[in-house]
Amino acid sequence: MDRSLLLLTAALMLPAAALAQTSPGGGGGQALYPTKAAAEKAAKHFHCTGAHQMGDQWMPCTKHADGSGSHTPAH
């Protein structure tokens, strides 16, 4: 019973982790924004322009593949 509860908890938390608002790779830079304007403003840190929608949030760069090859901001 305890193992089933642990597996259920892990299965429920995995999607939440995938939607976390930090960039992949643990760089700590934010990659999802609540508004298009905020994502467009952040695009300069990703070496791109514009923004694109991901679900109900926004990401920098006109296309997902634009920018420096990832959604990790340049330092």
N, C-alpha and C. Protein backbone atom coordinates (compact mmCIF):
# COMPACT_ATOMS: atom_id res chain seq x y z
N MET A 1 0.82 -1.20 0.00
CA MET A 1 0.00 0.00 0.00
C MET A 1 0.86 1.26 0.00
N ASP A 2 1.92 1.29 0.80
CA ASP A 2 2.78 2.47 0.86
C ASP A 2 3.46 2.73 -0.48
N ARG A 3 3.87 1.67 -1.17
CA ARG A 3 4.52 1.83 -2.46
C ARG A 3 3.54 2.41 -3.49
N SER A 4 2.30 1.96 -3.45
CA SER A 4 1.29 2.48 -4.37
C SER A 4 1.06 3.97 -4.13
N LEU A 5 1.02 4.37 -2.89
CA LEU A 5 0.84 5.78 -2.56
C LEU A 5 2.03 6.61 -3.04
N LEU A 6 3.22 6.08 -2.88
CA LEU A 6 4.42 6.77 -3.33
C LEU A 6 4.40 6.92 -4.86
N LEU A 7 4.04 5.88 -5.58
CA LEU A 7 3.97 5.94 -7.04
C LEU A 7 2.90 6.92 -7.50
N LEU A 8 1.77 6.92 -6.83
CA LEU A 8 0.70 7.86 -7.17
C LEU A 8 1.15 9.29 -6.94
N THR A 9 1.81 9.54 -5.83
CA THR A 9 2.30 10.88 -5.53
C THR A 9 3.31 11.33 -6.58
N ALA A 10 4.22 10.44 -6.95
CA ALA A 10 5.22 10.77 -7.96
C ALA A 10 4.56 11.05 -9.31
N ALA A 11 3.56 10.27 -9.66
CA ALA A 11 2.87 10.47 -10.94
C ALA A 11 2.13 11.80 -10.97
N LEU A 12 1.62 12.23 -9.86
CA LEU A 12 0.90 13.50 -9.80
C LEU A 12 1.85 14.69 -9.78
N MET A 13 3.04 14.52 -9.25
CA MET A 13 3.98 15.63 -9.13
C MET A 13 4.80 15.82 -10.40
N LEU A 14 4.96 14.80 -11.22
CA LEU A 14 5.78 14.90 -12.41
C LEU A 14 5.28 15.96 -13.37
N PRO A 15 3.98 16.01 -13.69
CA PRO A 15 3.52 17.09 -14.58
C PRO A 15 3.76 18.48 -13.99
N ALA A 16 3.63 18.62 -12.69
CA ALA A 16 3.87 19.91 -12.06
C ALA A 16 5.33 20.33 -12.22
N ALA A 17 6.23 19.39 -12.12
CA ALA A 17 7.65 19.70 -12.30
C ALA A 17 7.93 20.10 -13.74
N ALA A 18 7.24 19.48 -14.68
CA ALA A 18 7.44 19.82 -16.09
C ALA A 18 6.96 21.24 -16.40
N LEU A 19 6.04 21.75 -15.64
CA LEU A 19 5.51 23.08 -15.87
C LEU A 19 6.21 24.15 -15.03
N ALA A 20 7.26 23.77 -14.35
CA ALA A 20 7.97 24.73 -13.51
C ALA A 20 8.42 25.91 -14.36
N GLN A 21 8.53 27.06 -13.76
CA GLN A 21 8.80 28.28 -14.52
C GLN A 21 10.27 28.62 -14.64
N THR A 22 11.14 27.70 -14.34
CA THR A 22 12.55 27.99 -14.56
C THR A 22 13.00 27.25 -15.81
N SER A 23 14.08 27.71 -16.37
CA SER A 23 14.56 27.13 -17.61
C SER A 23 15.15 25.75 -17.38
N PRO A 24 15.18 24.92 -18.41
CA PRO A 24 15.80 23.61 -18.28
C PRO A 24 17.29 23.74 -18.01
N GLY A 25 17.84 22.76 -17.36
CA GLY A 25 19.27 22.78 -17.06
C GLY A 25 19.59 23.42 -15.73
N GLY A 26 18.58 23.88 -15.02
CA GLY A 26 18.80 24.43 -13.69
C GLY A 26 19.53 25.76 -13.68
N GLY A 27 19.49 26.48 -14.80
CA GLY A 27 20.18 27.76 -14.86
C GLY A 27 19.53 28.83 -14.01
N GLY A 28 18.29 28.60 -13.59
CA GLY A 28 17.63 29.54 -12.72
C GLY A 28 16.96 30.69 -13.44
N GLY A 29 17.15 30.80 -14.76
CA GLY A 29 16.51 31.87 -15.50
C GLY A 29 15.07 31.52 -15.82
N GLN A 30 14.21 32.48 -15.72
CA GLN A 30 12.80 32.24 -15.99
C GLN A 30 12.58 32.11 -17.50
N ALA A 31 11.79 31.11 -17.91
CA ALA A 31 11.52 30.90 -19.33
C ALA A 31 10.04 31.01 -19.66
N LEU A 32 9.16 30.97 -18.68
CA LEU A 32 7.72 31.12 -18.89
C LEU A 32 7.25 32.40 -18.22
N TYR A 33 6.38 33.12 -18.92
CA TYR A 33 5.90 34.40 -18.42
C TYR A 33 4.38 34.47 -18.52
N PRO A 34 3.74 35.20 -17.63
CA PRO A 34 2.28 35.26 -17.64
C PRO A 34 1.70 36.10 -18.78
N THR A 35 2.51 37.00 -19.36
CA THR A 35 2.01 37.85 -20.43
C THR A 35 2.97 37.84 -21.62
N LYS A 36 2.42 38.13 -22.78
CA LYS A 36 3.23 38.22 -24.00
C LYS A 36 4.25 39.34 -23.86
N ALA A 37 3.83 40.46 -23.30
CA ALA A 37 4.73 41.61 -23.14
C ALA A 37 5.94 41.26 -22.29
N ALA A 38 5.74 40.52 -21.22
CA ALA A 38 6.85 40.14 -20.35
C ALA A 38 7.82 39.20 -21.08
N ALA A 39 7.29 38.28 -21.87
CA ALA A 39 8.14 37.36 -22.62
C ALA A 39 8.91 38.10 -23.71
N GLU A 40 8.26 39.06 -24.36
CA GLU A 40 8.94 39.86 -25.38
C GLU A 40 10.08 40.67 -24.76
N LYS A 41 9.85 41.21 -23.60
CA LYS A 41 10.88 41.99 -22.91
C LYS A 41 12.08 41.10 -22.55
N ALA A 42 11.80 39.85 -22.15
CA ALA A 42 12.87 38.92 -21.77
C ALA A 42 13.61 38.34 -22.97
N ALA A 43 13.04 38.46 -24.17
CA ALA A 43 13.63 37.85 -25.36
C ALA A 43 15.07 38.28 -25.61
N LYS A 44 15.41 39.51 -25.24
CA LYS A 44 16.79 39.99 -25.48
C LYS A 44 17.80 39.14 -24.73
N HIS A 45 17.41 38.56 -23.60
CA HIS A 45 18.32 37.71 -22.83
C HIS A 45 18.49 36.34 -23.49
N PHE A 46 17.63 36.02 -24.43
CA PHE A 46 17.68 34.75 -25.15
C PHE A 46 18.21 34.96 -26.57
N HIS A 47 18.70 36.15 -26.86
CA HIS A 47 19.23 36.51 -28.18
C HIS A 47 18.21 36.30 -29.29
N CYS A 48 16.98 36.76 -29.05
CA CYS A 48 15.92 36.65 -30.04
C CYS A 48 14.93 37.80 -29.82
N THR A 49 13.89 37.81 -30.63
CA THR A 49 12.84 38.82 -30.48
C THR A 49 11.49 38.11 -30.49
N GLY A 50 10.48 38.81 -30.02
CA GLY A 50 9.12 38.28 -30.05
C GLY A 50 8.84 37.32 -28.90
N ALA A 51 7.71 36.64 -29.01
CA ALA A 51 7.28 35.68 -27.99
C ALA A 51 6.34 34.68 -28.63
N HIS A 52 6.20 33.51 -28.01
CA HIS A 52 5.23 32.52 -28.48
C HIS A 52 4.51 31.92 -27.28
N GLN A 53 3.29 31.49 -27.51
CA GLN A 53 2.46 31.00 -26.42
C GLN A 53 2.69 29.51 -26.20
N MET A 54 2.76 29.14 -24.92
CA MET A 54 2.87 27.73 -24.50
C MET A 54 1.78 27.51 -23.47
N GLY A 55 0.67 26.90 -23.91
CA GLY A 55 -0.46 26.74 -23.01
C GLY A 55 -1.04 28.09 -22.67
N ASP A 56 -1.15 28.39 -21.39
CA ASP A 56 -1.69 29.69 -20.98
C ASP A 56 -0.60 30.67 -20.58
N GLN A 57 0.66 30.33 -20.90
CA GLN A 57 1.77 31.22 -20.58
C GLN A 57 2.54 31.54 -21.85
N TRP A 58 3.56 32.38 -21.72
CA TRP A 58 4.33 32.85 -22.87
C TRP A 58 5.81 32.59 -22.67
N MET A 59 6.50 32.31 -23.78
CA MET A 59 7.94 32.10 -23.77
C MET A 59 8.59 33.11 -24.72
N PRO A 60 9.83 33.53 -24.41
CA PRO A 60 10.54 34.42 -25.32
C PRO A 60 10.81 33.76 -26.67
N CYS A 61 11.03 34.56 -27.70
CA CYS A 61 11.36 34.16 -29.06
C CYS A 61 10.10 33.88 -29.86
N THR A 62 10.11 34.30 -31.12
CA THR A 62 8.95 34.12 -31.99
C THR A 62 8.61 32.65 -32.17
N LYS A 63 9.64 31.81 -32.31
CA LYS A 63 9.45 30.37 -32.45
C LYS A 63 10.18 29.67 -31.33
N HIS A 64 9.73 28.47 -30.98
CA HIS A 64 10.33 27.73 -29.89
C HIS A 64 11.81 27.42 -30.16
N ALA A 65 12.19 27.23 -31.41
CA ALA A 65 13.57 26.87 -31.74
C ALA A 65 14.48 28.07 -31.90
N ASP A 66 13.95 29.29 -31.84
CA ASP A 66 14.78 30.49 -31.98
C ASP A 66 15.64 30.71 -30.75
N GLY A 67 16.48 31.67 -30.83
CA GLY A 67 17.32 32.03 -29.68
C GLY A 67 18.64 31.30 -29.73
N SER A 68 19.22 31.10 -28.58
CA SER A 68 20.57 30.53 -28.50
C SER A 68 20.54 29.01 -28.43
N GLY A 69 19.51 28.35 -28.94
CA GLY A 69 19.45 26.90 -28.97
C GLY A 69 18.73 26.30 -27.80
N SER A 70 18.40 27.08 -26.82
CA SER A 70 17.64 26.58 -25.67
C SER A 70 16.91 27.77 -25.06
N HIS A 71 16.11 27.50 -24.05
CA HIS A 71 15.43 28.59 -23.37
C HIS A 71 16.15 28.92 -22.06
N THR A 72 17.47 28.86 -22.14
CA THR A 72 18.30 29.29 -21.01
C THR A 72 18.86 30.65 -21.37
N PRO A 73 18.58 31.65 -20.57
CA PRO A 73 19.06 32.99 -20.91
C PRO A 73 20.58 33.07 -20.91
N ALA A 74 21.11 33.91 -21.77
CA ALA A 74 22.55 34.14 -21.82
C ALA A 74 22.95 34.97 -20.62
N HIS A 75 24.13 34.73 -20.10
CA HIS A 75 24.62 35.46 -18.93
C HIS A 75 25.57 36.53 -19.33
